Protein backbone atom coordinates (compact mmCIF):
# COMPACT_ATOMS: atom_id res chain seq x y z
CA MET A 1 -30.54 72.98 -1.82
CA SER A 2 -30.96 69.39 -1.27
CA SER A 3 -29.26 67.25 1.08
CA VAL A 4 -29.51 64.32 -1.21
CA GLN A 5 -26.19 63.36 -2.68
CA PRO A 6 -26.21 62.30 -6.22
CA ARG A 7 -25.92 58.57 -7.05
CA GLU A 8 -23.08 57.14 -8.55
CA ARG A 9 -23.21 55.69 -12.01
CA GLY A 10 -23.53 51.87 -12.01
CA SER A 11 -25.36 49.43 -10.14
CA ARG A 12 -24.07 48.08 -6.58
CA PHE A 13 -23.00 44.53 -8.18
CA SER A 14 -20.66 46.34 -10.55
CA GLN A 15 -19.19 48.31 -7.74
CA LEU A 16 -18.72 44.56 -5.77
CA ALA A 17 -17.77 42.62 -8.97
CA PRO A 18 -13.76 43.14 -8.52
CA ALA A 19 -14.07 42.23 -4.79
CA LEU A 20 -16.18 38.70 -5.87
CA ILE A 21 -13.79 38.04 -8.60
CA GLY A 22 -10.84 38.35 -6.30
CA LEU A 23 -12.68 36.32 -3.70
CA LEU A 24 -13.27 33.57 -6.35
CA GLY A 25 -9.75 33.49 -7.28
CA VAL A 26 -8.61 33.10 -3.71
CA LEU A 27 -11.15 30.22 -3.38
CA VAL A 28 -9.82 28.45 -6.67
CA GLY A 29 -6.14 29.07 -5.80
CA ALA A 30 -6.94 27.37 -2.28
CA GLY A 31 -8.78 24.24 -3.76
CA ALA A 32 -5.97 24.12 -6.20
CA THR A 33 -3.31 24.19 -3.61
CA SER A 34 -5.29 21.56 -1.33
CA GLY A 35 -6.05 19.05 -4.07
CA VAL A 36 -2.33 19.04 -5.09
CA THR A 37 -1.16 18.62 -1.65
CA TYR A 38 -3.47 15.97 -1.07
CA LEU A 39 -2.31 14.01 -4.52
CA VAL A 40 1.23 14.08 -3.49
CA ALA A 41 0.77 13.24 -0.10
CA HIS A 42 -1.50 9.95 -1.52
CA ASN A 43 1.21 9.10 -4.11
CA ARG A 44 3.89 9.36 -1.45
CA GLY A 45 1.69 6.84 0.99
CA LYS A 46 1.41 4.47 -2.01
CA ALA A 47 5.10 4.57 -2.89
CA SER A 48 5.84 3.51 0.49
CA GLU A 49 3.39 0.69 0.66
CA GLY A 50 4.68 -0.89 -2.26
CA GLY A 51 8.38 -0.50 -0.69
CA ALA A 52 7.30 -2.15 2.27
CA ALA A 53 5.81 -5.14 -0.06
CA ARG A 54 9.34 -5.39 -1.77
CA ILE A 55 11.17 -5.51 1.49
CA VAL A 56 8.94 -8.01 2.87
CA LEU A 57 9.16 -9.94 -0.51
CA THR A 58 13.30 -9.91 -0.19
CA GLU A 59 13.08 -11.40 3.25
CA VAL A 60 10.65 -14.21 1.92
CA GLN A 61 13.06 -15.16 -0.97
CA TRP A 62 16.25 -14.91 1.55
CA ASN A 63 14.33 -17.33 4.06
CA ASP A 64 13.42 -19.51 1.03
CA ASN A 65 17.02 -19.98 0.14
CA HIS A 66 18.08 -20.65 3.70
CA LEU A 67 15.55 -22.95 5.33
CA ASN A 68 18.09 -25.31 5.72
CA ARG A 69 19.80 -22.96 8.45
CA LYS A 70 17.02 -22.10 11.01
CA HIS A 71 19.50 -19.53 12.88
CA GLN A 72 19.71 -17.40 9.41
CA LEU A 73 15.88 -17.08 8.81
CA LYS A 74 14.61 -13.57 8.97
CA ASP A 75 11.47 -11.77 10.28
CA GLY A 76 12.56 -8.36 10.96
CA ALA A 77 11.29 -6.82 7.63
CA TRP A 78 7.68 -8.23 8.61
CA HIS A 79 7.77 -6.76 11.92
CA ALA A 80 8.97 -3.60 10.74
CA GLU A 81 6.67 -3.25 7.71
CA ARG A 82 3.57 -5.31 8.70
CA GLU A 83 1.64 -2.24 9.46
CA ARG A 84 2.07 -0.44 5.90
CA LEU A 85 1.73 -3.71 4.17
CA ALA A 86 -1.94 -3.98 6.08
CA ARG A 87 -2.93 -1.05 4.16
CA SER A 88 -1.78 -2.22 1.10
CA LEU A 89 -2.54 -5.84 0.43
CA SER A 90 -5.89 -7.14 0.07
CA ASN A 91 -7.62 -9.52 2.55
CA LEU A 92 -6.49 -12.73 0.28
CA GLU A 93 -3.01 -11.19 0.21
CA TRP A 94 -3.01 -10.38 3.80
CA ALA A 95 -3.76 -13.72 4.97
CA TRP A 96 -1.44 -15.74 2.61
CA VAL A 97 1.40 -13.42 3.76
CA SER A 98 0.68 -13.46 7.70
CA LYS A 99 0.47 -17.41 6.99
CA TYR A 100 3.80 -17.65 5.67
CA TYR A 101 5.12 -15.80 8.89
CA PHE A 102 3.10 -17.67 11.46
CA ASP A 103 4.33 -21.14 9.75
CA LEU A 104 8.07 -19.50 9.75
CA LYS A 105 7.61 -19.02 13.65
CA GLU A 106 6.39 -22.48 13.88
CA PHE A 107 9.41 -23.91 12.02
CA ARG A 108 11.79 -22.29 14.08
CA THR A 109 10.01 -23.61 17.23
CA GLY A 110 10.11 -27.38 15.69
CA THR A 111 6.75 -27.90 14.93
CA PRO A 112 6.60 -31.18 12.99
CA ASP A 113 4.94 -29.79 9.67
CA ALA A 114 5.48 -26.48 9.62
CA ARG A 115 8.41 -27.13 6.83
CA GLN A 116 6.14 -28.70 4.56
CA ARG A 117 3.52 -25.83 5.06
CA LEU A 118 6.38 -23.34 4.12
CA ASP A 119 7.06 -25.25 0.84
CA ARG A 120 3.63 -25.57 -0.08
CA ASP A 121 2.69 -22.34 0.68
CA ASN A 122 5.60 -20.09 -0.32
CA PRO A 123 4.41 -19.65 -4.16
CA CYS A 124 1.19 -18.11 -2.90
CA THR A 125 3.14 -15.83 -0.45
CA LEU A 126 5.25 -14.60 -3.48
CA VAL A 127 2.19 -14.21 -5.66
CA ALA A 128 0.63 -12.11 -2.73
CA LEU A 129 3.59 -9.64 -2.58
CA ASN A 130 3.32 -9.64 -6.31
CA ALA A 131 6.62 -11.14 -6.96
CA GLY A 132 5.83 -11.26 -10.49
CA HIS A 133 6.20 -7.68 -10.95
CA TYR A 134 9.93 -7.99 -9.51
CA SER A 135 11.11 -11.43 -10.88
CA ARG A 136 11.10 -13.16 -13.97
CA SER A 137 11.12 -16.71 -12.13
CA LYS A 138 9.41 -19.46 -13.81
CA HIS A 139 8.33 -20.56 -10.43
CA VAL A 140 6.80 -17.20 -9.53
CA ASN A 141 4.66 -16.82 -13.05
CA ALA A 142 3.66 -20.61 -12.72
CA ALA A 143 2.37 -19.79 -8.98
CA ASP A 144 0.54 -16.91 -10.17
CA LYS A 145 -1.74 -18.92 -12.38
CA ASN A 146 -2.18 -21.35 -9.45
CA PRO A 147 -5.77 -21.68 -8.46
CA THR A 148 -4.90 -22.52 -4.76
CA CYS A 149 -3.16 -18.73 -4.63
CA LYS A 150 -7.01 -17.43 -5.51
CA LYS A 151 -8.41 -18.97 -2.21
CA ARG A 152 -7.64 -18.30 1.42
CA PRO A 153 -5.13 -19.92 2.75
CA ASP A 154 -5.83 -23.18 5.31
CA ALA A 155 -5.78 -22.39 8.82
CA PRO A 156 -2.63 -23.71 10.43
């Protein structure tokens, strides 16, 4: 009698194939789950940033309609949403919006030419906040074609 065991039929790979296929399925499933989770989080973040622009746009429009009553001017949305806006606006758009709020602060404190700067720069601020997507105003649509809005605003 021999002490050698008879070999089973089939190669070593064919014995491991079911385990390898299972491992591959786990890896594909994990990758798909991670990808979907990332896309959902990314889209939720983008929607949040777009919401921030709409909230600040509403505040800018409110202020534009109430410039004759300094005590009613608002900047709360700007303070609450500027971090999210910083992620979603381009550098040029950010420059126009931040200049608007700088000029608004100057106007509230009585700086002599701040009102003129607000009146001049307000159309470009609306363009920077993509007001054309939310408004059918001729004023906003005309400002969108204004070459001034394509350049960085002048420093105050």
